[in-house]
Amino acid sequence: LTESFGASQIVEKAFDYWKGRDEEVFIGGGNAALLFDGPKEQNAI
């Protein structure tokens, strides 16, 4: 049980890195949409 709870908390924090950044469009439901300037090789990747 403890490991499942720990895994749950890890997943919930997986996208915290992107919250509040200029690239964030939305974060929710284990997904994130991010917007970068330029072609994908320049900043996104």
PDB file of all heavy atoms in Angstrom:
ATOM      1  N   LEU A   1       0.817  -1.201   0.000  1.00  0.00           N
ATOM      2  CA  LEU A   1       0.000   0.000   0.000  1.00  0.00           C
ATOM      3  C   LEU A   1       0.856   1.259   0.000  1.00  0.00           C
ATOM      4  O   LEU A   1       0.601   2.201  -0.753  1.00  0.00           O
ATOM      5  CB  LEU A   1      -0.915  -0.016   1.219  1.00  0.00           C
ATOM      6  CG  LEU A   1      -2.103   0.935   1.223  1.00  0.00           C
ATOM      7  CD1 LEU A   1      -2.979   0.694   0.024  1.00  0.00           C
ATOM      8  CD2 LEU A   1      -2.897   0.782   2.508  1.00  0.00           C
ATOM      9  N   THR A   2       1.889   1.290   0.828  1.00  0.00           N
ATOM     10  CA  THR A   2       2.724   2.491   0.915  1.00  0.00           C
ATOM     11  C   THR A   2       3.401   2.805  -0.406  1.00  0.00           C
ATOM     12  O   THR A   2       3.535   3.971  -0.778  1.00  0.00           O
ATOM     13  CB  THR A   2       3.803   2.317   2.004  1.00  0.00           C
ATOM     14  OG1 THR A   2       4.451   1.059   1.822  1.00  0.00           O
ATOM     15  CG2 THR A   2       3.191   2.356   3.380  1.00  0.00           C
ATOM     16  N   GLU A   3       3.834   1.787  -1.134  1.00  0.00           N
ATOM     17  CA  GLU A   3       4.517   2.025  -2.406  1.00  0.00           C
ATOM     18  C   GLU A   3       3.554   2.569  -3.453  1.00  0.00           C
ATOM     19  O   GLU A   3       3.915   3.409  -4.275  1.00  0.00           O
ATOM     20  CB  GLU A   3       5.204   0.751  -2.878  1.00  0.00           C
ATOM     21  CG  GLU A   3       6.385   0.366  -1.995  1.00  0.00           C
ATOM     22  CD  GLU A   3       6.910  -1.028  -2.286  1.00  0.00           C
ATOM     23  OE1 GLU A   3       6.618  -1.553  -3.375  1.00  0.00           O
ATOM     24  OE2 GLU A   3       7.595  -1.597  -1.418  1.00  0.00           O
ATOM     25  N   SER A   4       2.308   2.093  -3.438  1.00  0.00           N
ATOM     26  CA  SER A   4       1.315   2.635  -4.374  1.00  0.00           C
ATOM     27  C   SER A   4       1.014   4.090  -4.055  1.00  0.00           C
ATOM     28  O   SER A   4       0.864   4.924  -4.954  1.00  0.00           O
ATOM     29  CB  SER A   4       0.023   1.809  -4.316  1.00  0.00           C
ATOM     30  OG  SER A   4       0.205   0.551  -4.916  1.00  0.00           O
ATOM     31  N   PHE A   5       0.935   4.425  -2.757  1.00  0.00           N
ATOM     32  CA  PHE A   5       0.705   5.812  -2.374  1.00  0.00           C
ATOM     33  C   PHE A   5       1.896   6.676  -2.772  1.00  0.00           C
ATOM     34  O   PHE A   5       1.739   7.803  -3.243  1.00  0.00           O
ATOM     35  CB  PHE A   5       0.463   5.925  -0.870  1.00  0.00           C
ATOM     36  CG  PHE A   5      -0.869   5.392  -0.434  1.00  0.00           C
ATOM     37  CD1 PHE A   5      -0.997   4.733   0.776  1.00  0.00           C
ATOM     38  CD2 PHE A   5      -1.991   5.544  -1.219  1.00  0.00           C
ATOM     39  CE1 PHE A   5      -2.225   4.238   1.188  1.00  0.00           C
ATOM     40  CE2 PHE A   5      -3.222   5.059  -0.815  1.00  0.00           C
ATOM     41  CZ  PHE A   5      -3.340   4.399   0.394  1.00  0.00           C
ATOM     42  N   GLY A   6       3.097   6.155  -2.566  1.00  0.00           N
ATOM     43  CA  GLY A   6       4.286   6.900  -2.959  1.00  0.00           C
ATOM     44  C   GLY A   6       4.335   7.131  -4.453  1.00  0.00           C
ATOM     45  O   GLY A   6       4.638   8.235  -4.924  1.00  0.00           O
ATOM     46  N   ALA A   7       4.004   6.096  -5.231  1.00  0.00           N
ATOM     47  CA  ALA A   7       3.965   6.233  -6.687  1.00  0.00           C
ATOM     48  C   ALA A   7       2.926   7.263  -7.095  1.00  0.00           C
ATOM     49  O   ALA A   7       3.138   8.052  -8.026  1.00  0.00           O
ATOM     50  CB  ALA A   7       3.647   4.874  -7.315  1.00  0.00           C
ATOM     51  N   SER A   8       1.799   7.272  -6.396  1.00  0.00           N
ATOM     52  CA  SER A   8       0.738   8.230  -6.694  1.00  0.00           C
ATOM     53  C   SER A   8       1.235   9.664  -6.522  1.00  0.00           C
ATOM     54  O   SER A   8       0.989  10.537  -7.369  1.00  0.00           O
ATOM     55  CB  SER A   8      -0.461   7.971  -5.777  1.00  0.00           C
ATOM     56  OG  SER A   8      -1.464   8.941  -5.950  1.00  0.00           O
ATOM     57  N   GLN A   9       1.935   9.918  -5.440  1.00  0.00           N
ATOM     58  CA  GLN A   9       2.442  11.269  -5.191  1.00  0.00           C
ATOM     59  C   GLN A   9       3.516  11.664  -6.203  1.00  0.00           C
ATOM     60  O   GLN A   9       3.606  12.824  -6.609  1.00  0.00           O
ATOM     61  CB  GLN A   9       2.987  11.349  -3.770  1.00  0.00           C
ATOM     62  CG  GLN A   9       1.902  11.200  -2.706  1.00  0.00           C
ATOM     63  CD  GLN A   9       2.455  11.358  -1.294  1.00  0.00           C
ATOM     64  OE1 GLN A   9       3.496  11.942  -1.088  1.00  0.00           O
ATOM     65  NE2 GLN A   9       1.734  10.833  -0.322  1.00  0.00           N
ATOM     66  N   ILE A  10       4.324  10.698  -6.631  1.00  0.00           N
ATOM     67  CA  ILE A  10       5.350  10.986  -7.638  1.00  0.00           C
ATOM     68  C   ILE A  10       4.700  11.405  -8.952  1.00  0.00           C
ATOM     69  O   ILE A  10       5.122  12.367  -9.608  1.00  0.00           O
ATOM     70  CB  ILE A  10       6.253   9.751  -7.844  1.00  0.00           C
ATOM     71  CG1 ILE A  10       7.119   9.524  -6.596  1.00  0.00           C
ATOM     72  CG2 ILE A  10       7.138   9.926  -9.077  1.00  0.00           C
ATOM     73  CD1 ILE A  10       7.905   8.232  -6.620  1.00  0.00           C
ATOM     74  N   VAL A  11       3.648  10.676  -9.347  1.00  0.00           N
ATOM     75  CA  VAL A  11       2.944  11.004 -10.592  1.00  0.00           C
ATOM     76  C   VAL A  11       2.313  12.390 -10.505  1.00  0.00           C
ATOM     77  O   VAL A  11       2.355  13.173 -11.460  1.00  0.00           O
ATOM     78  CB  VAL A  11       1.882   9.936 -10.911  1.00  0.00           C
ATOM     79  CG1 VAL A  11       0.992  10.376 -12.066  1.00  0.00           C
ATOM     80  CG2 VAL A  11       2.551   8.607 -11.233  1.00  0.00           C
ATOM     81  N   GLU A  12       1.721  12.706  -9.362  1.00  0.00           N
ATOM     82  CA  GLU A  12       1.068  14.006  -9.210  1.00  0.00           C
ATOM     83  C   GLU A  12       2.049  15.163  -9.362  1.00  0.00           C
ATOM     84  O   GLU A  12       1.677  16.260  -9.800  1.00  0.00           O
ATOM     85  CB  GLU A  12       0.394  14.088  -7.837  1.00  0.00           C
ATOM     86  CG  GLU A  12      -0.870  13.232  -7.726  1.00  0.00           C
ATOM     87  CD  GLU A  12      -1.497  13.317  -6.359  1.00  0.00           C
ATOM     88  OE1 GLU A  12      -0.812  13.802  -5.429  1.00  0.00           O
ATOM     89  OE2 GLU A  12      -2.651  12.896  -6.209  1.00  0.00           O
ATOM     90  N   LYS A  13       3.310  14.929  -9.016  1.00  0.00           N
ATOM     91  CA  LYS A  13       4.313  16.001  -9.076  1.00  0.00           C
ATOM     92  C   LYS A  13       5.149  15.960 -10.350  1.00  0.00           C
ATOM     93  O   LYS A  13       6.077  16.751 -10.508  1.00  0.00           O
ATOM     94  CB  LYS A  13       5.242  15.905  -7.868  1.00  0.00           C
ATOM     95  CG  LYS A  13       4.528  16.074  -6.525  1.00  0.00           C
ATOM     96  CD  LYS A  13       5.480  15.860  -5.358  1.00  0.00           C
ATOM     97  CE  LYS A  13       4.764  16.002  -4.022  1.00  0.00           C
ATOM     98  NZ  LYS A  13       5.666  15.747  -2.874  1.00  0.00           N
ATOM     99  N   ALA A  14       4.805  15.045 -11.251  1.00  0.00           N
ATOM    100  CA  ALA A  14       5.647  14.821 -12.422  1.00  0.00           C
ATOM    101  C   ALA A  14       5.815  16.066 -13.284  1.00  0.00           C
ATOM    102  O   ALA A  14       6.876  16.280 -13.888  1.00  0.00           O
ATOM    103  CB  ALA A  14       5.084  13.672 -13.261  1.00  0.00           C
ATOM    104  N   PHE A  15       4.778  16.904 -13.366  1.00  0.00           N
ATOM    105  CA  PHE A  15       4.830  18.064 -14.260  1.00  0.00           C
ATOM    106  C   PHE A  15       4.991  19.385 -13.512  1.00  0.00           C
ATOM    107  O   PHE A  15       4.808  20.459 -14.097  1.00  0.00           O
ATOM    108  CB  PHE A  15       3.572  18.112 -15.122  1.00  0.00           C
ATOM    109  CG  PHE A  15       3.453  16.950 -16.074  1.00  0.00           C
ATOM    110  CD1 PHE A  15       2.543  15.935 -15.827  1.00  0.00           C
ATOM    111  CD2 PHE A  15       4.260  16.867 -17.194  1.00  0.00           C
ATOM    112  CE1 PHE A  15       2.435  14.866 -16.694  1.00  0.00           C
ATOM    113  CE2 PHE A  15       4.159  15.799 -18.071  1.00  0.00           C
ATOM    114  CZ  PHE A  15       3.241  14.791 -17.821  1.00  0.00           C
ATOM    115  N   ASP A  16       5.326  19.321 -12.222  1.00  0.00           N
ATOM    116  CA  ASP A  16       5.510  20.554 -11.453  1.00  0.00           C
ATOM    117  C   ASP A  16       6.582  21.458 -12.062  1.00  0.00           C
ATOM    118  O   ASP A  16       6.525  22.689 -11.929  1.00  0.00           O
ATOM    119  CB  ASP A  16       5.871  20.229 -10.000  1.00  0.00           C
ATOM    120  CG  ASP A  16       4.664  19.758  -9.198  1.00  0.00           C
ATOM    121  OD1 ASP A  16       3.552  19.745  -9.765  1.00  0.00           O
ATOM    122  OD2 ASP A  16       4.826  19.394  -8.017  1.00  0.00           O
ATOM    123  N   TYR A  17       7.551  20.868 -12.712  1.00  0.00           N
ATOM    124  CA  TYR A  17       8.649  21.618 -13.328  1.00  0.00           C
ATOM    125  C   TYR A  17       8.125  22.681 -14.295  1.00  0.00           C
ATOM    126  O   TYR A  17       8.703  23.775 -14.436  1.00  0.00           O
ATOM    127  CB  TYR A  17       9.569  20.627 -14.054  1.00  0.00           C
ATOM    128  CG  TYR A  17      10.673  21.251 -14.884  1.00  0.00           C
ATOM    129  CD1 TYR A  17      11.908  21.524 -14.314  1.00  0.00           C
ATOM    130  CD2 TYR A  17      10.483  21.534 -16.233  1.00  0.00           C
ATOM    131  CE1 TYR A  17      12.926  22.079 -15.074  1.00  0.00           C
ATOM    132  CE2 TYR A  17      11.488  22.082 -17.003  1.00  0.00           C
ATOM    133  CZ  TYR A  17      12.710  22.357 -16.414  1.00  0.00           C
ATOM    134  OH  TYR A  17      13.726  22.905 -17.174  1.00  0.00           O
ATOM    135  N   TRP A  18       7.002  22.373 -14.973  1.00  0.00           N
ATOM    136  CA  TRP A  18       6.488  23.257 -16.020  1.00  0.00           C
ATOM    137  C   TRP A  18       5.462  24.268 -15.519  1.00  0.00           C
ATOM    138  O   TRP A  18       5.112  25.191 -16.254  1.00  0.00           O
ATOM    139  CB  TRP A  18       5.855  22.424 -17.137  1.00  0.00           C
ATOM    140  CG  TRP A  18       6.813  21.482 -17.785  1.00  0.00           C
ATOM    141  CD1 TRP A  18       6.871  20.129 -17.618  1.00  0.00           C
ATOM    142  CD2 TRP A  18       7.868  21.812 -18.694  1.00  0.00           C
ATOM    143  NE1 TRP A  18       7.882  19.592 -18.358  1.00  0.00           N
ATOM    144  CE2 TRP A  18       8.521  20.602 -19.032  1.00  0.00           C
ATOM    145  CE3 TRP A  18       8.325  23.007 -19.253  1.00  0.00           C
ATOM    146  CZ2 TRP A  18       9.604  20.567 -19.907  1.00  0.00           C
ATOM    147  CZ3 TRP A  18       9.408  22.973 -20.126  1.00  0.00           C
ATOM    148  CH2 TRP A  18      10.036  21.763 -20.452  1.00  0.00           C
ATOM    149  N   LYS A  19       4.983  24.095 -14.301  1.00  0.00           N
ATOM    150  CA  LYS A  19       3.929  24.984 -13.814  1.00  0.00           C
ATOM    151  C   LYS A  19       4.445  26.409 -13.641  1.00  0.00           C
ATOM    152  O   LYS A  19       5.484  26.642 -13.015  1.00  0.00           O
ATOM    153  CB  LYS A  19       3.373  24.465 -12.482  1.00  0.00           C
ATOM    154  CG  LYS A  19       2.551  23.194 -12.634  1.00  0.00           C
ATOM    155  CD  LYS A  19       1.982  22.735 -11.312  1.00  0.00           C
ATOM    156  CE  LYS A  19       1.122  21.488 -11.493  1.00  0.00           C
ATOM    157  NZ  LYS A  19       0.574  20.997 -10.197  1.00  0.00           N
ATOM    158  N   GLY A  20       3.702  27.353 -14.205  1.00  0.00           N
ATOM    159  CA  GLY A  20       4.073  28.754 -14.080  1.00  0.00           C
ATOM    160  C   GLY A  20       5.127  29.217 -15.064  1.00  0.00           C
ATOM    161  O   GLY A  20       5.471  30.410 -15.085  1.00  0.00           O
ATOM    162  N   ARG A  21       5.637  28.320 -15.904  1.00  0.00           N
ATOM    163  CA  ARG A  21       6.640  28.726 -16.903  1.00  0.00           C
ATOM    164  C   ARG A  21       5.950  29.277 -18.148  1.00  0.00           C
ATOM    165  O   ARG A  21       4.773  29.019 -18.411  1.00  0.00           O
ATOM    166  CB  ARG A  21       7.524  27.527 -17.268  1.00  0.00           C
ATOM    167  CG  ARG A  21       8.385  27.021 -16.117  1.00  0.00           C
ATOM    168  CD  ARG A  21       9.096  25.730 -16.499  1.00  0.00           C
ATOM    169  NE  ARG A  21       9.989  25.934 -17.621  1.00  0.00           N
ATOM    170  CZ  ARG A  21      11.314  26.038 -17.536  1.00  0.00           C
ATOM    171  NH1 ARG A  21      11.892  25.987 -16.346  1.00  0.00           N
ATOM    172  NH2 ARG A  21      12.062  26.202 -18.606  1.00  0.00           N
ATOM    173  N   ASP A  22       6.693  29.991 -18.941  1.00  0.00           N
ATOM    174  CA  ASP A  22       6.130  30.591 -20.150  1.00  0.00           C
ATOM    175  C   ASP A  22       5.622  29.542 -21.129  1.00  0.00           C
ATOM    176  O   ASP A  22       4.721  29.809 -21.924  1.00  0.00           O
ATOM    177  CB  ASP A  22       7.187  31.461 -20.847  1.00  0.00           C
ATOM    178  CG  ASP A  22       7.568  32.688 -20.025  1.00  0.00           C
ATOM    179  OD1 ASP A  22       6.752  33.078 -19.162  1.00  0.00           O
ATOM    180  OD2 ASP A  22       8.670  33.224 -20.233  1.00  0.00           O
ATOM    181  N   GLU A  23       6.192  28.339 -21.082  1.00  0.00           N
ATOM    182  CA  GLU A  23       5.829  27.303 -22.050  1.00  0.00           C
ATOM    183  C   GLU A  23       4.498  26.617 -21.717  1.00  0.00           C
ATOM    184  O   GLU A  23       3.903  25.957 -22.573  1.00  0.00           O
ATOM    185  CB  GLU A  23       6.920  26.216 -22.117  1.00  0.00           C
ATOM    186  CG  GLU A  23       8.274  26.715 -22.592  1.00  0.00           C
ATOM    187  CD  GLU A  23       9.136  27.217 -21.443  1.00  0.00           C
ATOM    188  OE1 GLU A  23       8.612  27.314 -20.309  1.00  0.00           O
ATOM    189  OE2 GLU A  23      10.325  27.523 -21.678  1.00  0.00           O
ATOM    190  N   GLU A  24       4.004  26.756 -20.493  1.00  0.00           N
ATOM    191  CA  GLU A  24       2.819  26.006 -20.081  1.00  0.00           C
ATOM    192  C   GLU A  24       1.566  26.498 -20.796  1.00  0.00           C
ATOM    193  O   GLU A  24       1.250  27.685 -20.803  1.00  0.00           O
ATOM    194  CB  GLU A  24       2.606  26.130 -18.563  1.00  0.00           C
ATOM    195  CG  GLU A  24       1.363  25.384 -18.083  1.00  0.00           C
ATOM    196  CD  GLU A  24       1.025  25.699 -16.632  1.00  0.00           C
ATOM    197  OE1 GLU A  24       1.809  26.401 -15.968  1.00  0.00           O
ATOM    198  OE2 GLU A  24      -0.041  25.248 -16.181  1.00  0.00           O
ATOM    199  N   VAL A  25       0.816  25.564 -21.384  1.00  0.00           N
ATOM    200  CA  VAL A  25      -0.526  25.827 -21.889  1.00  0.00           C
ATOM    201  C   VAL A  25      -1.530  25.295 -20.877  1.00  0.00           C
ATOM    202  O   VAL A  25      -2.389  25.996 -20.386  1.00  0.00           O
ATOM    203  CB  VAL A  25      -0.761  25.186 -23.271  1.00  0.00           C
ATOM    204  CG1 VAL A  25      -2.207  25.400 -23.731  1.00  0.00           C
ATOM    205  CG2 VAL A  25       0.211  25.768 -24.299  1.00  0.00           C
ATOM    206  N   PHE A  26      -1.407  24.001 -20.564  1.00  0.00           N
ATOM    207  CA  PHE A  26      -2.182  23.438 -19.461  1.00  0.00           C
ATOM    208  C   PHE A  26      -1.485  22.192 -18.935  1.00  0.00           C
ATOM    209  O   PHE A  26      -0.719  21.543 -19.644  1.00  0.00           O
ATOM    210  CB  PHE A  26      -3.635  23.116 -19.878  1.00  0.00           C
ATOM    211  CG  PHE A  26      -3.783  21.877 -20.734  1.00  0.00           C
ATOM    212  CD1 PHE A  26      -3.807  20.604 -20.174  1.00  0.00           C
ATOM    213  CD2 PHE A  26      -3.929  22.000 -22.103  1.00  0.00           C
ATOM    214  CE1 PHE A  26      -3.957  19.478 -20.962  1.00  0.00           C
ATOM    215  CE2 PHE A  26      -4.077  20.882 -22.902  1.00  0.00           C
ATOM    216  CZ  PHE A  26      -4.089  19.612 -22.329  1.00  0.00           C
ATOM    217  N   ILE A  27      -1.754  21.891 -17.668  1.00  0.00           N
ATOM    218  CA  ILE A  27      -1.254  20.684 -17.028  1.00  0.00           C
ATOM    219  C   ILE A  27      -2.414  20.077 -16.261  1.00  0.00           C
ATOM    220  O   ILE A  27      -3.077  20.760 -15.477  1.00  0.00           O
ATOM    221  CB  ILE A  27      -0.078  20.987 -16.070  1.00  0.00           C
ATOM    222  CG1 ILE A  27       1.141  21.478 -16.856  1.00  0.00           C
ATOM    223  CG2 ILE A  27       0.288  19.740 -15.253  1.00  0.00           C
ATOM    224  CD1 ILE A  27       2.275  21.948 -15.972  1.00  0.00           C
ATOM    225  N   GLY A  28      -2.665  18.808 -16.482  1.00  0.00           N
ATOM    226  CA  GLY A  28      -3.772  18.165 -15.774  1.00  0.00           C
ATOM    227  C   GLY A  28      -4.004  16.764 -16.270  1.00  0.00           C
ATOM    228  O   GLY A  28      -3.786  16.443 -17.437  1.00  0.00           O
ATOM    229  N   GLY A  29      -4.455  15.896 -15.348  1.00  0.00           N
ATOM    230  CA  GLY A  29      -4.793  14.532 -15.735  1.00  0.00           C
ATOM    231  C   GLY A  29      -3.615  13.706 -16.210  1.00  0.00           C
ATOM    232  O   GLY A  29      -3.760  12.848 -17.078  1.00  0.00           O
ATOM    233  N   GLY A  30      -2.418  13.968 -15.658  1.00  0.00           N
ATOM    234  CA  GLY A  30      -1.251  13.196 -16.092  1.00  0.00           C
ATOM    235  C   GLY A  30      -0.755  13.602 -17.468  1.00  0.00           C
ATOM    236  O   GLY A  30      -0.038  12.832 -18.121  1.00  0.00           O
ATOM    237  N   ASN A  31      -1.136  14.803 -17.919  1.00  0.00           N
ATOM    238  CA  ASN A  31      -0.735  15.290 -19.238  1.00  0.00           C
ATOM    239  C   ASN A  31      -0.303  16.744 -19.141  1.00  0.00           C
ATOM    240  O   ASN A  31      -0.675  17.460 -18.214  1.00  0.00           O
ATOM    241  CB  ASN A  31      -1.894  15.176 -20.232  1.00  0.00           C
ATOM    242  CG  ASN A  31      -2.393  13.757 -20.396  1.00  0.00           C
ATOM    243  OD1 ASN A  31      -1.792  12.957 -21.112  1.00  0.00           O
ATOM    244  ND2 ASN A  31      -3.487  13.432 -19.737  1.00  0.00           N
ATOM    245  N   ALA A  32       0.461  17.166 -20.149  1.00  0.00           N
ATOM    246  CA  ALA A  32       0.865  18.569 -20.223  1.00  0.00           C
ATOM    247  C   ALA A  32       0.894  19.002 -21.677  1.00  0.00           C
ATOM    248  O   ALA A  32       1.284  18.220 -22.562  1.00  0.00           O
ATOM    249  CB  ALA A  32       2.234  18.771 -19.585  1.00  0.00           C
ATOM    250  N   ALA A  33       0.470  20.234 -21.933  1.00  0.00           N
ATOM    251  CA  ALA A  33       0.596  20.857 -23.253  1.00  0.00           C
ATOM    252  C   ALA A  33       1.529  22.047 -23.102  1.00  0.00           C
ATOM    253  O   ALA A  33       1.300  22.926 -22.260  1.00  0.00           O
ATOM    254  CB  ALA A  33      -0.772  21.306 -23.774  1.00  0.00           C
ATOM    255  N   LEU A  34       2.580  22.065 -23.901  1.00  0.00           N
ATOM    256  CA  LEU A  34       3.617  23.087 -23.789  1.00  0.00           C
ATOM    257  C   LEU A  34       3.816  23.757 -25.137  1.00  0.00           C
ATOM    258  O   LEU A  34       3.703  23.116 -26.194  1.00  0.00           O
ATOM    259  CB  LEU A  34       4.938  22.457 -23.322  1.00  0.00           C
ATOM    260  CG  LEU A  34       4.848  21.588 -22.060  1.00  0.00           C
ATOM    261  CD1 LEU A  34       6.148  20.826 -21.839  1.00  0.00           C
ATOM    262  CD2 LEU A  34       4.501  22.430 -20.846  1.00  0.00           C
ATOM    263  N   LEU A  35       4.140  25.032 -25.106  1.00  0.00           N
ATOM    264  CA  LEU A  35       4.295  25.820 -26.342  1.00  0.00           C
ATOM    265  C   LEU A  35       5.692  26.429 -26.362  1.00  0.00           C
ATOM    266  O   LEU A  35       6.079  27.156 -25.441  1.00  0.00           O
ATOM    267  CB  LEU A  35       3.228  26.916 -26.387  1.00  0.00           C
ATOM    268  CG  LEU A  35       2.992  27.617 -27.727  1.00  0.00           C
ATOM    269  CD1 LEU A  35       2.539  26.604 -28.787  1.00  0.00           C
ATOM    270  CD2 LEU A  35       1.933  28.710 -27.565  1.00  0.00           C
ATOM    271  N   PHE A  36       6.460  26.112 -27.432  1.00  0.00           N
ATOM    272  CA  PHE A  36       7.839  26.592 -27.554  1.00  0.00           C
ATOM    273  C   PHE A  36       7.986  27.456 -28.810  1.00  0.00           C
ATOM    274  O   PHE A  36       7.313  27.234 -29.827  1.00  0.00           O
ATOM    275  CB  PHE A  36       8.815  25.409 -27.659  1.00  0.00           C
ATOM    276  CG  PHE A  36       8.847  24.536 -26.436  1.00  0.00           C
ATOM    277  CD1 PHE A  36       8.014  23.428 -26.342  1.00  0.00           C
ATOM    278  CD2 PHE A  36       9.694  24.818 -25.376  1.00  0.00           C
ATOM    279  CE1 PHE A  36       8.039  22.605 -25.223  1.00  0.00           C
ATOM    280  CE2 PHE A  36       9.731  24.014 -24.250  1.00  0.00           C
ATOM    281  CZ  PHE A  36       8.902  22.909 -24.177  1.00  0.00           C
ATOM    282  N   ASP A  37       8.888  28.418 -28.736  1.00  0.00           N
ATOM    283  CA  ASP A  37       9.219  29.223 -29.914  1.00  0.00           C
ATOM    284  C   ASP A  37      10.108  28.411 -30.843  1.00  0.00           C
ATOM    285  O   ASP A  37      10.940  27.601 -30.406  1.00  0.00           O
ATOM    286  CB  ASP A  37       9.955  30.501 -29.502  1.00  0.00           C
ATOM    287  CG  ASP A  37       9.048  31.487 -28.784  1.00  0.00           C
ATOM    288  OD1 ASP A  37       7.846  31.535 -29.127  1.00  0.00           O
ATOM    289  OD2 ASP A  37       9.541  32.192 -27.880  1.00  0.00           O
ATOM    290  N   GLY A  38       9.967  28.670 -32.152  1.00  0.00           N
ATOM    291  CA  GLY A  38      10.840  28.056 -33.140  1.00  0.00           C
ATOM    292  C   GLY A  38      10.468  26.626 -33.480  1.00  0.00           C
ATOM    293  O   GLY A  38       9.541  26.044 -32.906  1.00  0.00           O
ATOM    294  N   PRO A  39      11.205  26.030 -34.431  1.00  0.00           N
ATOM    295  CA  PRO A  39      10.986  24.620 -34.777  1.00  0.00           C
ATOM    296  C   PRO A  39      11.347  23.730 -33.601  1.00  0.00           C
ATOM    297  O   PRO A  39      12.024  24.153 -32.655  1.00  0.00           O
ATOM    298  CB  PRO A  39      11.920  24.406 -35.970  1.00  0.00           C
ATOM    299  CG  PRO A  39      12.963  25.472 -35.836  1.00  0.00           C
ATOM    300  CD  PRO A  39      12.269  26.655 -35.229  1.00  0.00           C
ATOM    301  N   LYS A  40      10.900  22.479 -33.663  1.00  0.00           N
ATOM    302  CA  LYS A  40      11.042  21.603 -32.505  1.00  0.00           C
ATOM    303  C   LYS A  40      12.494  21.380 -32.095  1.00  0.00           C
ATOM    304  O   LYS A  40      12.807  21.203 -30.904  1.00  0.00           O
ATOM    305  CB  LYS A  40      10.357  20.268 -32.762  1.00  0.00           C
ATOM    306  CG  LYS A  40      10.912  19.472 -33.933  1.00  0.00           C
ATOM    307  CD  LYS A  40      10.124  18.199 -34.157  1.00  0.00           C
ATOM    308  CE  LYS A  40      10.676  17.387 -35.325  1.00  0.00           C
ATOM    309  NZ  LYS A  40       9.891  16.148 -35.550  1.00  0.00           N
ATOM    310  N   GLU A  41      13.420  21.380 -33.086  1.00  0.00           N
ATOM    311  CA  GLU A  41      14.826  21.123 -32.754  1.00  0.00           C
ATOM    312  C   GLU A  41      15.452  22.277 -31.969  1.00  0.00           C
ATOM    313  O   GLU A  41      16.452  22.089 -31.272  1.00  0.00           O
ATOM    314  CB  GLU A  41      15.637  20.895 -34.042  1.00  0.00           C
ATOM    315  CG  GLU A  41      15.251  19.657 -34.818  1.00  0.00           C
ATOM    316  CD  GLU A  41      14.042  19.876 -35.708  1.00  0.00           C
ATOM    317  OE1 GLU A  41      13.573  21.056 -35.790  1.00  0.00           O
ATOM    318  OE2 GLU A  41      13.566  18.910 -36.322  1.00  0.00           O
ATOM    319  N   GLN A  42      14.863  23.473 -32.085  1.00  0.00           N
ATOM    320  CA  GLN A  42      15.476  24.658 -31.475  1.00  0.00           C
ATOM    321  C   GLN A  42      15.287  24.694 -29.963  1.00  0.00           C
ATOM    322  O   GLN A  42      16.272  24.883 -29.224  1.00  0.00           O
ATOM    323  CB  GLN A  42      14.872  25.920 -32.102  1.00  0.00           C
ATOM    324  CG  GLN A  42      15.432  27.219 -31.543  1.00  0.00           C
ATOM    325  CD  GLN A  42      14.859  28.434 -32.236  1.00  0.00           C
ATOM    326  OE1 GLN A  42      14.570  28.386 -33.439  1.00  0.00           O
ATOM    327  NE2 GLN A  42      14.682  29.523 -31.501  1.00  0.00           N
ATOM    328  N   ASN A  43      14.050  24.536 -29.475  1.00  0.00           N
ATOM    329  CA  ASN A  43      13.798  24.648 -28.036  1.00  0.00           C
ATOM    330  C   ASN A  43      13.033  23.460 -27.453  1.00  0.00           C
ATOM    331  O   ASN A  43      13.316  23.026 -26.335  1.00  0.00           O
ATOM    332  CB  ASN A  43      13.001  25.935 -27.746  1.00  0.00           C
ATOM    333  CG  ASN A  43      13.814  27.188 -27.974  1.00  0.00           C
ATOM    334  OD1 ASN A  43      14.934  27.307 -27.476  1.00  0.00           O
ATOM    335  ND2 ASN A  43      13.270  28.125 -28.744  1.00  0.00           N
ATOM    336  N   ALA A  44      12.049  22.940 -28.192  1.00  0.00           N
ATOM    337  CA  ALA A  44      11.174  21.919 -27.634  1.00  0.00           C
ATOM    338  C   ALA A  44      11.911  20.643 -27.261  1.00  0.00           C
ATOM    339  O   ALA A  44      11.844  20.163 -26.115  1.00  0.00           O
ATOM    340  CB  ALA A  44      10.039  21.612 -28.624  1.00  0.00           C
ATOM    341  N   ILE A  45      12.618  20.069 -28.214  1.00  0.00           N
ATOM    342  CA  ILE A  45      13.303  18.802 -27.958  1.00  0.00           C
ATOM    343  C   ILE A  45      14.380  18.954 -26.880  1.00  0.00           C
ATOM    344  O   ILE A  45      14.458  18.132 -25.951  1.00  0.00           O
ATOM    345  CB  ILE A  45      13.880  18.225 -29.264  1.00  0.00           C
ATOM    346  CG1 ILE A  45      12.727  17.777 -30.172  1.00  0.00           C
ATOM    347  CG2 ILE A  45      14.823  17.057 -28.967  1.00  0.00           C
ATOM    348  CD1 ILE A  45      13.172  17.227 -31.520  1.00  0.00           C
TER     349      ILE A  45
END
